[in-house]
Amino acid sequence: MKKRFFFLLWLLGGVGWLATPSCRKLDRDSVSGKVLEYGTEKPIAGAVVKLFGWSGSPLSGGSSFLVDSTTTDANGAYHFDDDAMFAPSMTANAYKSLYFTGYDSETVVADGRFDNTNIYLKPYAWLNIKVINKNGQYFYFIGPGQTLNGINVEEWINQNDSFQYYRVLKGNLESPFIFSVWDKAGGNYLKDTSLIKFYVNSKLTKLKSLESGDKPDIMPPGQDTTDITIIF
């Protein structure tokens, strides 16, 4: 009876040791993956990949620390050996010029799940926007979330006048282009969409009601410029 009791204590102690993150050996001794362009799966060569460990819990205000870094090869591949894989919770972040970085540019590489070691980066895309007033004096408004710095664009355009500007947003990703045309500054939205022509690379896009600002969906290709022309 005593033997069975001590055997149970030994077994439970072993299970507790295995369940302790700071003591258990990681299931994966190294990690490999690729850095790929979002939407195209194209490998990104020359991307810097940084391996971070966590002290404490990321969900409860823990802090990260740099463990190691490397650069992807011509196939977009990266690798960290077993010397770096010691923390119970680790993430790999990728960085490359003309690509966005943030929470969607990292992957968990060690927390007991190991679901995905590939990292996807969303490329920059540029919009070349030209607005032309042919019908009369209207107030033109661009909503937030379209510029790199999030600033609204408001412009009073006289008849037969135009203005042009550029914007940066995430490529290979469908997103609404938010804009409105008013009948006058401080007036009402222009509801007659037949007076407004919205072109994407010279292709006419049908508009819905501008009651609360129109949101035609666009998907600009990454690392490229898309021409937007609005005529009213």
C-alpha atoms as a PDB file:
ATOM      1  CA  MET A   1       0.000   0.000   0.000  1.00  0.00           C
ATOM      2  CA  LYS A   2       2.824   2.389   0.932  1.00  0.00           C
ATOM      3  CA  LYS A   3       4.631   1.562  -2.302  1.00  0.00           C
ATOM      4  CA  ARG A   4       1.569   2.494  -4.327  1.00  0.00           C
ATOM      5  CA  PHE A   5       1.203   5.764  -2.373  1.00  0.00           C
ATOM      6  CA  PHE A   6       4.807   6.838  -2.962  1.00  0.00           C
ATOM      7  CA  PHE A   7       4.537   5.804  -6.616  1.00  0.00           C
ATOM      8  CA  LEU A   8       1.531   8.127  -7.006  1.00  0.00           C
ATOM      9  CA  LEU A   9       3.438  11.001  -5.378  1.00  0.00           C
ATOM     10  CA  TRP A  10       6.364  10.408  -7.711  1.00  0.00           C
ATOM     11  CA  LEU A  11       4.051  10.312 -10.751  1.00  0.00           C
ATOM     12  CA  LEU A  12       2.213  13.498  -9.785  1.00  0.00           C
ATOM     13  CA  GLY A  13       5.490  15.256  -9.108  1.00  0.00           C
ATOM     14  CA  GLY A  14       6.744  14.275 -12.536  1.00  0.00           C
ATOM     15  CA  VAL A  15       3.593  15.605 -14.188  1.00  0.00           C
ATOM     16  CA  GLY A  16       3.913  18.865 -12.274  1.00  0.00           C
ATOM     17  CA  TRP A  17       7.523  19.250 -13.405  1.00  0.00           C
ATOM     18  CA  LEU A  18       6.538  18.713 -17.021  1.00  0.00           C
ATOM     19  CA  ALA A  19       3.755  21.296 -16.731  1.00  0.00           C
ATOM     20  CA  THR A  20       6.064  24.001 -15.325  1.00  0.00           C
ATOM     21  CA  PRO A  21       6.993  26.333 -18.245  1.00  0.00           C
ATOM     22  CA  SER A  22      10.269  27.511 -16.718  1.00  0.00           C
ATOM     23  CA  CYS A  23      11.551  23.961 -16.268  1.00  0.00           C
ATOM     24  CA  ARG A  24      10.147  21.888 -19.092  1.00  0.00           C
ATOM     25  CA  LYS A  25      12.190  21.098 -22.186  1.00  0.00           C
ATOM     26  CA  LEU A  26      10.697  22.574 -25.350  1.00  0.00           C
ATOM     27  CA  ASP A  27       9.084  20.176 -27.790  1.00  0.00           C
ATOM     28  CA  ARG A  28      10.945  21.923 -30.583  1.00  0.00           C
ATOM     29  CA  ASP A  29      14.726  22.312 -30.366  1.00  0.00           C
ATOM     30  CA  SER A  30      14.934  24.673 -33.345  1.00  0.00           C
ATOM     31  CA  VAL A  31      12.587  26.619 -35.570  1.00  0.00           C
ATOM     32  CA  SER A  32      12.529  27.163 -39.313  1.00  0.00           C
ATOM     33  CA  GLY A  33      10.112  28.923 -41.596  1.00  0.00           C
ATOM     34  CA  LYS A  34       9.735  31.396 -44.413  1.00  0.00           C
ATOM     35  CA  VAL A  35       8.911  35.077 -44.739  1.00  0.00           C
ATOM     36  CA  LEU A  36       6.285  35.446 -47.464  1.00  0.00           C
ATOM     37  CA  GLU A  37       4.397  38.317 -49.063  1.00  0.00           C
ATOM     38  CA  TYR A  38       0.760  38.417 -47.998  1.00  0.00           C
ATOM     39  CA  GLY A  39      -1.640  37.641 -50.818  1.00  0.00           C
ATOM     40  CA  THR A  40       0.943  36.281 -53.261  1.00  0.00           C
ATOM     41  CA  GLU A  41       2.972  33.790 -51.162  1.00  0.00           C
ATOM     42  CA  LYS A  42       6.074  35.253 -52.831  1.00  0.00           C
ATOM     43  CA  PRO A  43       9.220  34.595 -50.737  1.00  0.00           C
ATOM     44  CA  ILE A  44      10.861  37.722 -49.358  1.00  0.00           C
ATOM     45  CA  ALA A  45      14.642  37.542 -49.481  1.00  0.00           C
ATOM     46  CA  GLY A  46      16.812  39.714 -47.253  1.00  0.00           C
ATOM     47  CA  ALA A  47      14.184  40.185 -44.541  1.00  0.00           C
ATOM     48  CA  VAL A  48      15.491  40.563 -41.000  1.00  0.00           C
ATOM     49  CA  VAL A  49      13.902  38.056 -38.614  1.00  0.00           C
ATOM     50  CA  LYS A  50      14.230  38.696 -34.887  1.00  0.00           C
ATOM     51  CA  LEU A  51      13.519  36.087 -32.227  1.00  0.00           C
ATOM     52  CA  PHE A  52      12.023  37.460 -29.009  1.00  0.00           C
ATOM     53  CA  GLY A  53      11.440  35.786 -25.675  1.00  0.00           C
ATOM     54  CA  TRP A  54       8.902  36.861 -23.071  1.00  0.00           C
ATOM     55  CA  SER A  55       9.392  37.443 -19.379  1.00  0.00           C
ATOM     56  CA  GLY A  56       6.030  37.150 -17.695  1.00  0.00           C
ATOM     57  CA  SER A  57       2.857  36.828 -19.757  1.00  0.00           C
ATOM     58  CA  PRO A  58       2.314  38.876 -22.943  1.00  0.00           C
ATOM     59  CA  LEU A  59      -1.384  39.066 -22.052  1.00  0.00           C
ATOM     60  CA  SER A  60      -0.731  40.511 -18.599  1.00  0.00           C
ATOM     61  CA  GLY A  61       1.861  43.119 -19.455  1.00  0.00           C
ATOM     62  CA  GLY A  62       4.990  41.005 -19.782  1.00  0.00           C
ATOM     63  CA  SER A  63       8.065  42.383 -21.533  1.00  0.00           C
ATOM     64  CA  SER A  64       9.959  40.991 -24.499  1.00  0.00           C
ATOM     65  CA  PHE A  65      13.712  40.663 -24.967  1.00  0.00           C
ATOM     66  CA  LEU A  66      15.769  40.008 -28.084  1.00  0.00           C
ATOM     67  CA  VAL A  67      17.252  36.500 -28.224  1.00  0.00           C
ATOM     68  CA  ASP A  68      18.698  36.248 -31.718  1.00  0.00           C
ATOM     69  CA  SER A  69      18.332  37.590 -35.254  1.00  0.00           C
ATOM     70  CA  THR A  70      18.990  36.359 -38.763  1.00  0.00           C
ATOM     71  CA  THR A  71      18.323  37.248 -42.413  1.00  0.00           C
ATOM     72  CA  THR A  72      16.223  35.278 -44.893  1.00  0.00           C
ATOM     73  CA  ASP A  73      17.922  33.623 -47.842  1.00  0.00           C
ATOM     74  CA  ALA A  74      16.933  33.817 -51.516  1.00  0.00           C
ATOM     75  CA  ASN A  75      13.962  31.510 -50.823  1.00  0.00           C
ATOM     76  CA  GLY A  76      12.730  33.637 -47.926  1.00  0.00           C
ATOM     77  CA  ALA A  77      13.789  30.955 -45.432  1.00  0.00           C
ATOM     78  CA  TYR A  78      15.034  31.570 -41.886  1.00  0.00           C
ATOM     79  CA  HIS A  79      16.311  29.272 -39.133  1.00  0.00           C
ATOM     80  CA  PHE A  80      17.161  29.474 -35.436  1.00  0.00           C
ATOM     81  CA  ASP A  81      19.070  26.596 -33.845  1.00  0.00           C
ATOM     82  CA  ASP A  82      18.477  24.917 -30.497  1.00  0.00           C
ATOM     83  CA  ASP A  83      20.751  27.321 -28.581  1.00  0.00           C
ATOM     84  CA  ALA A  84      18.166  30.062 -29.028  1.00  0.00           C
ATOM     85  CA  MET A  85      15.091  27.973 -28.212  1.00  0.00           C
ATOM     86  CA  PHE A  86      15.035  28.091 -24.430  1.00  0.00           C
ATOM     87  CA  ALA A  87      12.047  30.240 -23.398  1.00  0.00           C
ATOM     88  CA  PRO A  88       8.559  28.753 -22.959  1.00  0.00           C
ATOM     89  CA  SER A  89       7.019  31.589 -24.987  1.00  0.00           C
ATOM     90  CA  MET A  90       8.792  33.025 -28.016  1.00  0.00           C
ATOM     91  CA  THR A  91       7.860  34.965 -31.148  1.00  0.00           C
ATOM     92  CA  ALA A  92       9.620  35.684 -34.423  1.00  0.00           C
ATOM     93  CA  ASN A  93       9.141  39.077 -36.090  1.00  0.00           C
ATOM     94  CA  ALA A  94      10.103  39.950 -39.658  1.00  0.00           C
ATOM     95  CA  TYR A  95      11.173  43.345 -41.030  1.00  0.00           C
ATOM     96  CA  LYS A  96      11.750  44.472 -44.609  1.00  0.00           C
ATOM     97  CA  SER A  97      11.675  47.891 -46.219  1.00  0.00           C
ATOM     98  CA  LEU A  98       8.464  48.725 -48.078  1.00  0.00           C
ATOM     99  CA  TYR A  99       6.551  46.191 -45.976  1.00  0.00           C
ATOM    100  CA  PHE A 100       4.347  46.882 -42.972  1.00  0.00           C
ATOM    101  CA  THR A 101       5.343  45.531 -39.580  1.00  0.00           C
ATOM    102  CA  GLY A 102       3.269  45.013 -36.453  1.00  0.00           C
ATOM    103  CA  TYR A 103       1.305  42.273 -34.744  1.00  0.00           C
ATOM    104  CA  ASP A 104       0.379  40.754 -38.102  1.00  0.00           C
ATOM    105  CA  SER A 105       4.072  40.436 -39.048  1.00  0.00           C
ATOM    106  CA  GLU A 106       5.006  38.017 -36.275  1.00  0.00           C
ATOM    107  CA  THR A 107       4.377  34.368 -35.457  1.00  0.00           C
ATOM    108  CA  VAL A 108       4.495  32.350 -32.244  1.00  0.00           C
ATOM    109  CA  VAL A 109       7.291  29.804 -32.478  1.00  0.00           C
ATOM    110  CA  ALA A 110       7.349  28.317 -28.958  1.00  0.00           C
ATOM    111  CA  ASP A 111       4.388  28.068 -26.645  1.00  0.00           C
ATOM    112  CA  GLY A 112       3.449  24.419 -27.038  1.00  0.00           C
ATOM    113  CA  ARG A 113       1.350  24.935 -30.221  1.00  0.00           C
ATOM    114  CA  PHE A 114       3.772  25.515 -33.120  1.00  0.00           C
ATOM    115  CA  ASP A 115       0.882  25.967 -35.555  1.00  0.00           C
ATOM    116  CA  ASN A 116       2.715  28.122 -38.061  1.00  0.00           C
ATOM    117  CA  THR A 117       6.289  29.243 -38.406  1.00  0.00           C
ATOM    118  CA  ASN A 118       5.824  31.188 -41.643  1.00  0.00           C
ATOM    119  CA  ILE A 119       5.595  34.966 -41.359  1.00  0.00           C
ATOM    120  CA  TYR A 120       3.484  37.021 -43.766  1.00  0.00           C
ATOM    121  CA  LEU A 121       4.272  40.670 -44.501  1.00  0.00           C
ATOM    122  CA  LYS A 122       1.790  43.038 -46.123  1.00  0.00           C
ATOM    123  CA  PRO A 123       3.497  45.098 -48.854  1.00  0.00           C
ATOM    124  CA  TYR A 124       3.216  48.826 -49.356  1.00  0.00           C
ATOM    125  CA  ALA A 125       0.860  49.951 -52.111  1.00  0.00           C
ATOM    126  CA  TRP A 126       0.561  53.461 -53.469  1.00  0.00           C
ATOM    127  CA  LEU A 127      -2.536  55.299 -54.635  1.00  0.00           C
ATOM    128  CA  ASN A 128      -2.190  58.094 -57.162  1.00  0.00           C
ATOM    129  CA  ILE A 129      -5.443  60.005 -56.610  1.00  0.00           C
ATOM    130  CA  LYS A 130      -6.771  62.716 -58.886  1.00  0.00           C
ATOM    131  CA  VAL A 131     -10.010  64.589 -58.178  1.00  0.00           C
ATOM    132  CA  ILE A 132     -11.665  66.659 -60.927  1.00  0.00           C
ATOM    133  CA  ASN A 133     -14.649  68.996 -60.564  1.00  0.00           C
ATOM    134  CA  LYS A 134     -16.567  69.326 -63.836  1.00  0.00           C
ATOM    135  CA  ASN A 135     -20.133  69.996 -62.665  1.00  0.00           C
ATOM    136  CA  GLY A 136     -19.824  72.808 -60.151  1.00  0.00           C
ATOM    137  CA  GLN A 137     -18.525  73.777 -56.763  1.00  0.00           C
ATOM    138  CA  TYR A 138     -18.571  70.799 -54.420  1.00  0.00           C
ATOM    139  CA  PHE A 139     -16.711  69.996 -51.258  1.00  0.00           C
ATOM    140  CA  TYR A 140     -14.625  66.844 -51.469  1.00  0.00           C
ATOM    141  CA  PHE A 141     -13.876  64.771 -48.359  1.00  0.00           C
ATOM    142  CA  ILE A 142     -11.664  61.728 -47.766  1.00  0.00           C
ATOM    143  CA  GLY A 143     -12.279  59.722 -44.598  1.00  0.00           C
ATOM    144  CA  PRO A 144      -9.683  58.496 -42.090  1.00  0.00           C
ATOM    145  CA  GLY A 145      -7.712  55.305 -42.376  1.00  0.00           C
ATOM    146  CA  GLN A 146      -6.553  55.899 -45.939  1.00  0.00           C
ATOM    147  CA  THR A 147      -3.352  57.824 -45.302  1.00  0.00           C
ATOM    148  CA  LEU A 148      -0.190  56.558 -43.689  1.00  0.00           C
ATOM    149  CA  ASN A 149      -0.595  59.107 -40.887  1.00  0.00           C
ATOM    150  CA  GLY A 150      -4.406  58.820 -40.699  1.00  0.00           C
ATOM    151  CA  ILE A 151      -5.064  62.502 -41.461  1.00  0.00           C
ATOM    152  CA  ASN A 152      -8.293  63.436 -43.236  1.00  0.00           C
ATOM    153  CA  VAL A 153      -8.165  65.269 -46.550  1.00  0.00           C
ATOM    154  CA  GLU A 154     -10.665  68.058 -47.121  1.00  0.00           C
ATOM    155  CA  GLU A 155     -10.495  70.167 -50.249  1.00  0.00           C
ATOM    156  CA  TRP A 156     -12.715  72.800 -51.832  1.00  0.00           C
ATOM    157  CA  ILE A 157     -12.491  72.423 -55.594  1.00  0.00           C
ATOM    158  CA  ASN A 158     -13.849  75.055 -57.929  1.00  0.00           C
ATOM    159  CA  GLN A 159     -15.461  74.101 -61.201  1.00  0.00           C
ATOM    160  CA  ASN A 160     -12.979  72.848 -63.801  1.00  0.00           C
ATOM    161  CA  ASP A 161     -10.293  72.646 -61.121  1.00  0.00           C
ATOM    162  CA  SER A 162      -8.541  69.503 -59.902  1.00  0.00           C
ATOM    163  CA  PHE A 163      -5.998  68.375 -57.357  1.00  0.00           C
ATOM    164  CA  GLN A 164      -3.772  65.336 -57.030  1.00  0.00           C
ATOM    165  CA  TYR A 165      -2.102  63.539 -54.118  1.00  0.00           C
ATOM    166  CA  TYR A 166      -0.647  60.185 -53.079  1.00  0.00           C
ATOM    167  CA  ARG A 167      -1.491  57.731 -50.329  1.00  0.00           C
ATOM    168  CA  VAL A 168       0.114  54.607 -48.915  1.00  0.00           C
ATOM    169  CA  LEU A 169      -1.841  51.569 -47.718  1.00  0.00           C
ATOM    170  CA  LYS A 170      -1.502  47.805 -47.393  1.00  0.00           C
ATOM    171  CA  GLY A 171      -1.304  45.998 -50.716  1.00  0.00           C
ATOM    172  CA  ASN A 172      -2.933  42.725 -51.801  1.00  0.00           C
ATOM    173  CA  LEU A 173      -5.690  43.427 -49.302  1.00  0.00           C
ATOM    174  CA  GLU A 174      -9.239  44.469 -50.107  1.00  0.00           C
ATOM    175  CA  SER A 175     -10.189  47.621 -48.250  1.00  0.00           C
ATOM    176  CA  PRO A 176     -12.814  50.355 -48.610  1.00  0.00           C
ATOM    177  CA  PHE A 177     -11.865  53.664 -50.170  1.00  0.00           C
ATOM    178  CA  ILE A 178     -13.851  56.075 -48.006  1.00  0.00           C
ATOM    179  CA  PHE A 179     -14.828  59.381 -49.562  1.00  0.00           C
ATOM    180  CA  SER A 180     -17.710  61.811 -49.806  1.00  0.00           C
ATOM    181  CA  VAL A 181     -18.715  64.685 -52.053  1.00  0.00           C
ATOM    182  CA  TRP A 182     -20.763  67.501 -50.512  1.00  0.00           C
ATOM    183  CA  ASP A 183     -22.959  70.024 -52.266  1.00  0.00           C
ATOM    184  CA  LYS A 184     -21.150  72.766 -50.347  1.00  0.00           C
ATOM    185  CA  ALA A 185     -18.891  73.179 -47.341  1.00  0.00           C
ATOM    186  CA  GLY A 186     -20.936  72.276 -44.287  1.00  0.00           C
ATOM    187  CA  GLY A 187     -23.795  71.206 -46.520  1.00  0.00           C
ATOM    188  CA  ASN A 188     -25.210  67.799 -47.442  1.00  0.00           C
ATOM    189  CA  TYR A 189     -23.789  64.718 -49.080  1.00  0.00           C
ATOM    190  CA  LEU A 190     -24.270  64.643 -52.817  1.00  0.00           C
ATOM    191  CA  LYS A 191     -26.733  61.752 -53.121  1.00  0.00           C
ATOM    192  CA  ASP A 192     -26.979  61.630 -56.907  1.00  0.00           C
ATOM    193  CA  THR A 193     -24.157  59.174 -57.664  1.00  0.00           C
ATOM    194  CA  SER A 194     -24.758  59.603 -61.403  1.00  0.00           C
ATOM    195  CA  LEU A 195     -22.870  62.893 -61.042  1.00  0.00           C
ATOM    196  CA  ILE A 196     -19.802  61.072 -59.695  1.00  0.00           C
ATOM    197  CA  LYS A 197     -17.467  58.852 -61.695  1.00  0.00           C
ATOM    198  CA  PHE A 198     -15.006  56.673 -59.778  1.00  0.00           C
ATOM    199  CA  TYR A 199     -12.232  55.052 -61.830  1.00  0.00           C
ATOM    200  CA  VAL A 200      -9.647  52.481 -60.749  1.00  0.00           C
ATOM    201  CA  ASN A 201      -6.862  52.272 -63.336  1.00  0.00           C
ATOM    202  CA  SER A 202      -9.263  53.792 -65.915  1.00  0.00           C
ATOM    203  CA  LYS A 203     -11.983  51.213 -65.116  1.00  0.00           C
ATOM    204  CA  LEU A 204     -15.316  52.682 -64.009  1.00  0.00           C
ATOM    205  CA  THR A 205     -16.535  51.414 -60.617  1.00  0.00           C
ATOM    206  CA  LYS A 206     -20.210  51.543 -59.742  1.00  0.00           C
ATOM    207  CA  LEU A 207     -21.021  53.560 -56.639  1.00  0.00           C
ATOM    208  CA  LYS A 208     -23.742  53.107 -54.054  1.00  0.00           C
ATOM    209  CA  SER A 209     -25.397  55.866 -52.045  1.00  0.00           C
ATOM    210  CA  LEU A 210     -23.114  58.551 -50.639  1.00  0.00           C
ATOM    211  CA  GLU A 211     -25.538  59.213 -47.769  1.00  0.00           C
ATOM    212  CA  SER A 212     -22.904  58.345 -45.171  1.00  0.00           C
ATOM    213  CA  GLY A 213     -19.808  58.371 -47.351  1.00  0.00           C
ATOM    214  CA  ASP A 214     -19.218  55.834 -50.098  1.00  0.00           C
ATOM    215  CA  LYS A 215     -16.905  52.858 -49.597  1.00  0.00           C
ATOM    216  CA  PRO A 216     -16.033  51.257 -52.926  1.00  0.00           C
ATOM    217  CA  ASP A 217     -13.757  48.285 -52.313  1.00  0.00           C
ATOM    218  CA  ILE A 218     -10.337  48.374 -53.910  1.00  0.00           C
ATOM    219  CA  MET A 219      -7.479  45.865 -53.815  1.00  0.00           C
ATOM    220  CA  PRO A 220      -4.266  47.608 -54.854  1.00  0.00           C
ATOM    221  CA  PRO A 221      -1.403  45.255 -55.760  1.00  0.00           C
ATOM    222  CA  GLY A 222       1.604  45.320 -53.491  1.00  0.00           C
ATOM    223  CA  GLN A 223       4.749  47.206 -54.497  1.00  0.00           C
ATOM    224  CA  ASP A 224       2.802  48.976 -57.232  1.00  0.00           C
ATOM    225  CA  THR A 225       0.850  52.176 -57.877  1.00  0.00           C
ATOM    226  CA  THR A 226      -2.900  52.218 -58.499  1.00  0.00           C
ATOM    227  CA  ASP A 227      -4.496  55.214 -60.226  1.00  0.00           C
ATOM    228  CA  ILE A 228      -7.721  56.495 -58.669  1.00  0.00           C
ATOM    229  CA  THR A 229      -9.674  59.176 -60.545  1.00  0.00           C
ATOM    230  CA  ILE A 230     -12.818  60.797 -59.153  1.00  0.00           C
ATOM    231  CA  ILE A 231     -14.776  63.088 -61.462  1.00  0.00           C
ATOM    232  CA  PHE A 232     -17.855  65.002 -60.358  1.00  0.00           C
END
